[in-house]
Amino acid sequence: MHYFVDHKKKKIHQRQFAGDRCGFVETPVEKREFTNQADYIEQLESKDLYEFCPHCQQAQIIS
């Protein structure tokens, strides 16, 4: 699994499904990170209180 981490909003996105609804457009590039390390993601979630983005858990449909 490949993740996109928004450190400004403390959100974890699934990179393949991240889109406009996720709201990371305002996040500066230096506050964005890409990783595929599941243990790092678990640490962010449990210790640093990051949350998984509810919008990119599946493919977004454009309407």
Protein backbone atom coordinates (compact mmCIF):
# COMPACT_ATOMS: atom_id res chain seq x y z
CA MET A 1 0.00 0.00 0.00
CA HIS A 2 1.30 3.45 -0.87
CA TYR A 3 0.42 6.34 1.38
CA PHE A 4 0.41 10.10 1.06
CA VAL A 5 0.77 11.89 4.39
CA ASP A 6 -0.50 15.43 4.89
CA HIS A 7 1.45 16.68 7.91
CA LYS A 8 -0.40 20.02 7.98
CA LYS A 9 -3.81 18.42 8.53
CA LYS A 10 -2.55 15.16 10.08
CA LYS A 11 -4.30 13.05 7.45
CA ILE A 12 -3.18 9.79 5.88
CA HIS A 13 -4.34 9.23 2.31
CA GLN A 14 -4.23 6.19 0.08
CA ARG A 15 -2.16 7.63 -2.73
CA GLN A 16 -3.96 5.81 -5.54
CA PHE A 17 -7.36 7.20 -4.50
CA ALA A 18 -6.43 10.67 -3.22
CA GLY A 19 -8.26 13.45 -5.00
CA ASP A 20 -9.78 16.90 -4.74
CA ARG A 21 -12.28 15.93 -2.04
CA CYS A 22 -9.43 15.06 0.32
CA GLY A 23 -8.62 18.76 0.78
CA PHE A 24 -4.83 18.63 0.64
CA VAL A 25 -4.53 21.20 -2.14
CA GLU A 26 -3.72 23.99 0.37
CA THR A 27 -1.00 21.93 2.05
CA PRO A 28 2.51 23.17 1.15
CA VAL A 29 4.72 20.67 -0.67
CA GLU A 30 7.17 20.59 2.24
CA LYS A 31 4.35 19.33 4.50
CA ARG A 32 3.56 16.38 2.18
CA GLU A 33 5.21 12.97 2.32
CA PHE A 34 4.91 9.75 0.35
CA THR A 35 5.68 6.40 1.95
CA ASN A 36 4.88 2.70 1.72
CA GLN A 37 6.02 1.85 5.26
CA ALA A 38 2.99 0.49 7.09
CA ASP A 39 4.74 0.56 10.49
CA TYR A 40 5.44 4.29 10.08
CA ILE A 41 1.78 4.90 9.21
CA GLU A 42 0.68 2.93 12.29
CA GLN A 43 2.99 5.09 14.43
CA LEU A 44 1.55 8.30 13.00
CA GLU A 45 -1.96 7.04 13.69
CA SER A 46 -1.41 5.74 17.22
CA LYS A 47 1.21 8.11 18.67
CA ASP A 48 0.78 11.30 16.69
CA LEU A 49 -3.02 11.12 16.30
CA TYR A 50 -3.09 11.22 12.50
CA GLU A 51 -6.35 10.03 10.91
CA PHE A 52 -7.08 8.18 7.71
CA CYS A 53 -8.86 10.37 5.19
CA PRO A 54 -12.46 9.21 4.74
CA HIS A 55 -12.54 10.39 1.11
CA CYS A 56 -9.78 8.23 -0.37
CA GLN A 57 -10.57 4.79 0.95
CA GLN A 58 -11.93 3.91 -2.49
CA ALA A 59 -11.95 5.39 -5.98
CA GLN A 60 -13.68 8.76 -6.24
CA ILE A 61 -16.42 9.16 -8.80
CA ILE A 62 -16.56 12.46 -10.64
CA SER A 63 -20.07 13.77 -10.94
